N, C-alpha and C. Protein backbone atom coordinates (compact mmCIF):
# COMPACT_ATOMS: atom_id res chain seq x y z
N MET A 1 -48.40 -278.99 -91.84
CA MET A 1 -49.73 -278.60 -91.37
C MET A 1 -49.76 -278.54 -89.84
N GLY A 2 -49.14 -279.49 -89.16
CA GLY A 2 -49.11 -279.54 -87.71
C GLY A 2 -48.36 -278.36 -87.11
N LYS A 3 -47.26 -277.95 -87.76
CA LYS A 3 -46.48 -276.79 -87.29
C LYS A 3 -47.29 -275.51 -87.42
N ALA A 4 -48.00 -275.38 -88.52
CA ALA A 4 -48.82 -274.18 -88.73
C ALA A 4 -49.91 -274.09 -87.66
N PHE A 5 -50.52 -275.22 -87.32
CA PHE A 5 -51.55 -275.22 -86.28
C PHE A 5 -50.95 -274.88 -84.92
N ALA A 6 -49.79 -275.44 -84.63
CA ALA A 6 -49.12 -275.14 -83.36
C ALA A 6 -48.75 -273.67 -83.28
N ASP A 7 -48.27 -273.09 -84.40
CA ASP A 7 -47.96 -271.67 -84.44
C ASP A 7 -49.21 -270.82 -84.24
N PHE A 8 -50.33 -271.27 -84.81
CA PHE A 8 -51.59 -270.56 -84.65
C PHE A 8 -52.04 -270.57 -83.19
N VAL A 9 -51.94 -271.72 -82.53
CA VAL A 9 -52.33 -271.83 -81.13
C VAL A 9 -51.42 -270.95 -80.27
N THR A 10 -50.14 -270.93 -80.57
CA THR A 10 -49.20 -270.07 -79.84
C THR A 10 -49.56 -268.60 -80.02
N PHE A 11 -49.89 -268.23 -81.24
CA PHE A 11 -50.30 -266.86 -81.52
C PHE A 11 -51.53 -266.48 -80.69
N ILE A 12 -52.51 -267.36 -80.65
CA ILE A 12 -53.74 -267.08 -79.89
C ILE A 12 -53.42 -266.90 -78.41
N ARG A 13 -52.55 -267.76 -77.88
CA ARG A 13 -52.20 -267.67 -76.46
C ARG A 13 -51.41 -266.42 -76.14
N GLU A 14 -50.43 -266.08 -76.96
CA GLU A 14 -49.54 -264.96 -76.67
C GLU A 14 -50.17 -263.60 -76.95
N GLN A 15 -51.03 -263.53 -77.92
CA GLN A 15 -51.59 -262.24 -78.31
C GLN A 15 -52.91 -261.92 -77.62
N GLY A 16 -53.40 -262.79 -76.79
CA GLY A 16 -54.61 -262.52 -76.04
C GLY A 16 -55.87 -262.54 -76.89
N VAL A 17 -55.87 -263.34 -77.96
CA VAL A 17 -57.03 -263.38 -78.85
C VAL A 17 -58.26 -263.94 -78.14
N MET A 18 -58.06 -264.91 -77.27
CA MET A 18 -59.21 -265.47 -76.55
C MET A 18 -59.83 -264.43 -75.63
N GLY A 19 -58.99 -263.67 -74.95
CA GLY A 19 -59.50 -262.60 -74.11
C GLY A 19 -60.26 -261.56 -74.92
N LEU A 20 -59.74 -261.27 -76.10
CA LEU A 20 -60.42 -260.32 -76.99
C LEU A 20 -61.78 -260.86 -77.41
N ALA A 21 -61.83 -262.14 -77.76
CA ALA A 21 -63.10 -262.75 -78.16
C ALA A 21 -64.11 -262.74 -77.02
N ILE A 22 -63.66 -263.10 -75.84
CA ILE A 22 -64.55 -263.09 -74.68
C ILE A 22 -65.03 -261.67 -74.38
N GLY A 23 -64.11 -260.72 -74.45
CA GLY A 23 -64.48 -259.32 -74.24
C GLY A 23 -65.49 -258.83 -75.26
N PHE A 24 -65.32 -259.25 -76.49
CA PHE A 24 -66.25 -258.86 -77.56
C PHE A 24 -67.65 -259.39 -77.29
N ILE A 25 -67.73 -260.65 -76.90
CA ILE A 25 -69.03 -261.26 -76.62
C ILE A 25 -69.68 -260.60 -75.40
N LEU A 26 -68.90 -260.42 -74.33
CA LEU A 26 -69.45 -259.77 -73.13
C LEU A 26 -69.81 -258.32 -73.40
N GLY A 27 -69.02 -257.66 -74.24
CA GLY A 27 -69.33 -256.27 -74.60
C GLY A 27 -70.67 -256.16 -75.30
N GLY A 28 -70.97 -257.12 -76.16
CA GLY A 28 -72.27 -257.13 -76.83
C GLY A 28 -73.41 -257.31 -75.84
N SER A 29 -73.18 -258.16 -74.85
CA SER A 29 -74.20 -258.38 -73.83
C SER A 29 -74.40 -257.15 -72.96
N VAL A 30 -73.30 -256.52 -72.56
CA VAL A 30 -73.40 -255.29 -71.76
C VAL A 30 -74.10 -254.21 -72.57
N SER A 31 -73.79 -254.13 -73.85
CA SER A 31 -74.43 -253.14 -74.71
C SER A 31 -75.94 -253.34 -74.77
N ALA A 32 -76.37 -254.58 -74.88
CA ALA A 32 -77.81 -254.86 -74.93
C ALA A 32 -78.50 -254.48 -73.62
N VAL A 33 -77.86 -254.78 -72.50
CA VAL A 33 -78.44 -254.45 -71.20
C VAL A 33 -78.52 -252.93 -71.02
N VAL A 34 -77.43 -252.24 -71.36
CA VAL A 34 -77.41 -250.78 -71.20
C VAL A 34 -78.40 -250.12 -72.16
N SER A 35 -78.49 -250.62 -73.38
CA SER A 35 -79.46 -250.06 -74.33
C SER A 35 -80.88 -250.19 -73.80
N SER A 36 -81.19 -251.34 -73.23
CA SER A 36 -82.52 -251.54 -72.65
C SER A 36 -82.73 -250.61 -71.46
N PHE A 37 -81.72 -250.45 -70.63
CA PHE A 37 -81.81 -249.55 -69.48
C PHE A 37 -82.09 -248.12 -69.93
N VAL A 38 -81.36 -247.66 -70.95
CA VAL A 38 -81.56 -246.30 -71.44
C VAL A 38 -82.93 -246.15 -72.08
N ARG A 39 -83.31 -247.12 -72.93
CA ARG A 39 -84.57 -247.04 -73.67
C ARG A 39 -85.78 -247.16 -72.75
N ASP A 40 -85.70 -248.09 -71.78
CA ASP A 40 -86.89 -248.41 -70.98
C ASP A 40 -86.99 -247.67 -69.65
N ILE A 41 -85.87 -247.14 -69.15
CA ILE A 41 -85.91 -246.47 -67.85
C ILE A 41 -85.52 -244.99 -67.95
N ILE A 42 -84.36 -244.73 -68.54
CA ILE A 42 -83.89 -243.34 -68.59
C ILE A 42 -84.72 -242.48 -69.54
N ASN A 43 -84.98 -242.97 -70.75
CA ASN A 43 -85.75 -242.16 -71.71
C ASN A 43 -87.13 -241.78 -71.19
N PRO A 44 -87.91 -242.71 -70.64
CA PRO A 44 -89.22 -242.31 -70.10
C PRO A 44 -89.10 -241.32 -68.94
N ALA A 45 -88.06 -241.50 -68.10
CA ALA A 45 -87.87 -240.56 -66.98
C ALA A 45 -87.56 -239.16 -67.50
N ILE A 46 -86.72 -239.06 -68.50
CA ILE A 46 -86.42 -237.76 -69.10
C ILE A 46 -87.65 -237.21 -69.81
N GLY A 47 -88.42 -238.11 -70.41
CA GLY A 47 -89.66 -237.68 -71.06
C GLY A 47 -90.64 -237.07 -70.09
N LEU A 48 -90.66 -237.57 -68.86
CA LEU A 48 -91.53 -236.98 -67.84
C LEU A 48 -91.12 -235.54 -67.54
N LEU A 49 -89.82 -235.29 -67.57
CA LEU A 49 -89.33 -233.92 -67.35
C LEU A 49 -89.79 -232.98 -68.46
N PHE A 50 -89.83 -233.50 -69.69
CA PHE A 50 -90.25 -232.68 -70.83
C PHE A 50 -91.76 -232.72 -71.03
N GLY A 51 -92.45 -233.53 -70.26
CA GLY A 51 -93.90 -233.62 -70.37
C GLY A 51 -94.36 -234.40 -71.58
N SER A 52 -93.55 -235.35 -72.03
CA SER A 52 -93.90 -236.15 -73.20
C SER A 52 -94.03 -237.61 -72.83
N VAL A 53 -95.07 -238.25 -73.31
CA VAL A 53 -95.25 -239.68 -73.08
C VAL A 53 -94.25 -240.49 -73.89
N LYS A 54 -93.81 -239.94 -75.03
CA LYS A 54 -92.88 -240.65 -75.92
C LYS A 54 -91.46 -240.70 -75.38
N GLY A 55 -91.18 -239.99 -74.33
CA GLY A 55 -89.85 -240.01 -73.74
C GLY A 55 -88.89 -239.09 -74.45
N LEU A 56 -87.63 -239.42 -74.37
CA LEU A 56 -86.57 -238.59 -74.92
C LEU A 56 -86.64 -238.49 -76.44
N SER A 57 -87.19 -239.51 -77.10
CA SER A 57 -87.25 -239.50 -78.56
C SER A 57 -88.09 -238.35 -79.10
N ALA A 58 -88.97 -237.79 -78.28
CA ALA A 58 -89.82 -236.68 -78.72
C ALA A 58 -89.11 -235.33 -78.62
N PHE A 59 -87.94 -235.29 -78.01
CA PHE A 59 -87.22 -234.03 -77.83
C PHE A 59 -86.68 -233.52 -79.15
N SER A 60 -86.95 -232.26 -79.45
CA SER A 60 -86.45 -231.65 -80.69
C SER A 60 -86.27 -230.16 -80.49
N LEU A 61 -85.42 -229.60 -81.30
CA LEU A 61 -85.23 -228.15 -81.38
C LEU A 61 -85.64 -227.73 -82.78
N GLY A 62 -86.87 -227.26 -82.89
CA GLY A 62 -87.39 -226.92 -84.20
C GLY A 62 -87.50 -228.19 -85.04
N PRO A 63 -86.98 -228.15 -86.26
CA PRO A 63 -87.07 -229.34 -87.12
C PRO A 63 -86.00 -230.40 -86.82
N VAL A 64 -85.06 -230.08 -85.95
CA VAL A 64 -83.97 -231.01 -85.64
C VAL A 64 -84.38 -231.92 -84.49
N MET A 65 -84.42 -233.23 -84.76
CA MET A 65 -84.80 -234.22 -83.76
C MET A 65 -83.55 -234.67 -83.00
N LEU A 66 -83.39 -234.21 -81.79
CA LEU A 66 -82.21 -234.51 -81.00
C LEU A 66 -82.40 -235.69 -80.04
N GLY A 67 -83.61 -236.09 -79.80
CA GLY A 67 -83.89 -237.12 -78.80
C GLY A 67 -83.19 -238.43 -79.06
N SER A 68 -83.24 -238.91 -80.28
CA SER A 68 -82.60 -240.19 -80.61
C SER A 68 -81.09 -240.10 -80.43
N PHE A 69 -80.51 -238.99 -80.88
CA PHE A 69 -79.07 -238.80 -80.73
C PHE A 69 -78.68 -238.75 -79.26
N LEU A 70 -79.43 -238.03 -78.44
CA LEU A 70 -79.14 -237.95 -77.02
C LEU A 70 -79.26 -239.31 -76.35
N SER A 71 -80.22 -240.10 -76.78
CA SER A 71 -80.39 -241.44 -76.25
C SER A 71 -79.17 -242.31 -76.54
N VAL A 72 -78.68 -242.25 -77.77
CA VAL A 72 -77.49 -243.02 -78.14
C VAL A 72 -76.26 -242.49 -77.39
N LEU A 73 -76.18 -241.19 -77.21
CA LEU A 73 -75.06 -240.59 -76.48
C LEU A 73 -75.05 -241.05 -75.01
N ILE A 74 -76.20 -241.07 -74.38
CA ILE A 74 -76.32 -241.56 -73.01
C ILE A 74 -75.93 -243.03 -72.96
N ASP A 75 -76.40 -243.79 -73.92
CA ASP A 75 -76.08 -245.21 -74.04
C ASP A 75 -74.55 -245.40 -74.10
N PHE A 76 -73.89 -244.65 -74.96
CA PHE A 76 -72.45 -244.73 -75.11
C PHE A 76 -71.72 -244.38 -73.82
N LEU A 77 -72.13 -243.30 -73.18
CA LEU A 77 -71.46 -242.87 -71.95
C LEU A 77 -71.56 -243.91 -70.83
N ILE A 78 -72.72 -244.54 -70.71
CA ILE A 78 -72.89 -245.57 -69.70
C ILE A 78 -72.02 -246.78 -70.02
N ILE A 79 -72.01 -247.22 -71.28
CA ILE A 79 -71.18 -248.36 -71.67
C ILE A 79 -69.71 -248.04 -71.45
N ALA A 80 -69.27 -246.85 -71.83
CA ALA A 80 -67.88 -246.46 -71.64
C ALA A 80 -67.51 -246.47 -70.16
N ALA A 81 -68.39 -245.98 -69.31
CA ALA A 81 -68.12 -245.97 -67.87
C ALA A 81 -68.06 -247.39 -67.31
N VAL A 82 -68.97 -248.25 -67.72
CA VAL A 82 -68.96 -249.63 -67.25
C VAL A 82 -67.67 -250.33 -67.68
N VAL A 83 -67.29 -250.18 -68.94
CA VAL A 83 -66.07 -250.81 -69.43
C VAL A 83 -64.86 -250.27 -68.67
N TYR A 84 -64.80 -248.98 -68.47
CA TYR A 84 -63.66 -248.38 -67.76
C TYR A 84 -63.54 -248.92 -66.34
N PHE A 85 -64.64 -248.91 -65.60
CA PHE A 85 -64.58 -249.33 -64.21
C PHE A 85 -64.34 -250.84 -64.06
N VAL A 86 -64.88 -251.64 -64.97
CA VAL A 86 -64.60 -253.08 -64.93
C VAL A 86 -63.14 -253.32 -65.29
N PHE A 87 -62.65 -252.63 -66.31
CA PHE A 87 -61.25 -252.75 -66.75
C PHE A 87 -60.30 -252.40 -65.61
N LYS A 88 -60.56 -251.29 -64.95
CA LYS A 88 -59.72 -250.87 -63.83
C LYS A 88 -59.92 -251.77 -62.60
N GLY A 89 -61.15 -252.14 -62.32
CA GLY A 89 -61.44 -252.96 -61.15
C GLY A 89 -60.82 -254.34 -61.23
N LEU A 90 -60.77 -254.92 -62.41
CA LEU A 90 -60.17 -256.24 -62.58
C LEU A 90 -58.68 -256.16 -62.88
N ARG A 91 -58.16 -254.95 -62.91
CA ARG A 91 -56.73 -254.70 -63.20
C ARG A 91 -56.31 -255.29 -64.53
N LEU A 92 -57.17 -255.19 -65.52
CA LEU A 92 -56.87 -255.72 -66.83
C LEU A 92 -55.82 -254.89 -67.56
N ASP A 93 -55.55 -253.68 -67.08
CA ASP A 93 -54.52 -252.87 -67.71
C ASP A 93 -53.14 -253.48 -67.50
N LYS A 94 -52.99 -254.34 -66.51
CA LYS A 94 -51.72 -255.03 -66.25
C LYS A 94 -51.60 -256.30 -67.07
N LEU A 95 -52.71 -256.77 -67.65
CA LEU A 95 -52.74 -258.06 -68.33
C LEU A 95 -51.91 -258.07 -69.61
N ASP A 96 -51.99 -257.02 -70.39
CA ASP A 96 -51.32 -256.99 -71.68
C ASP A 96 -49.96 -256.31 -71.63
N ALA A 97 -49.27 -256.43 -70.52
CA ALA A 97 -47.94 -255.82 -70.40
C ALA A 97 -47.00 -256.49 -71.40
N LYS A 98 -46.13 -255.70 -72.00
CA LYS A 98 -45.17 -256.20 -72.98
C LYS A 98 -44.21 -257.18 -72.32
N LYS A 99 -43.90 -258.22 -73.04
CA LYS A 99 -42.95 -259.22 -72.55
C LYS A 99 -41.54 -258.76 -72.86
N ASN A 100 -40.62 -258.97 -71.92
CA ASN A 100 -39.21 -258.58 -72.12
C ASN A 100 -38.39 -259.77 -72.56
């Protein structure tokens, strides 16, 4: 039992599982902040351009409601940009280099 636990701890250290867990938790937090930013700031601003009080969610082309999809798309693009620039800025691409 002790060897199995030691092997498990070694696996966690070598495979970067803790970094993955921390990234997952922080990613959820960044997602919540960006979603609020898009919903509460960007959508109403875009809604002003379209002349709608409801914001981007009111945007449609005939019977097709595109506003919600565009909101999620903007949300995704902002999150992707934040993750990319943080990843590059912290040089995390060097972190998971293969061991020789």
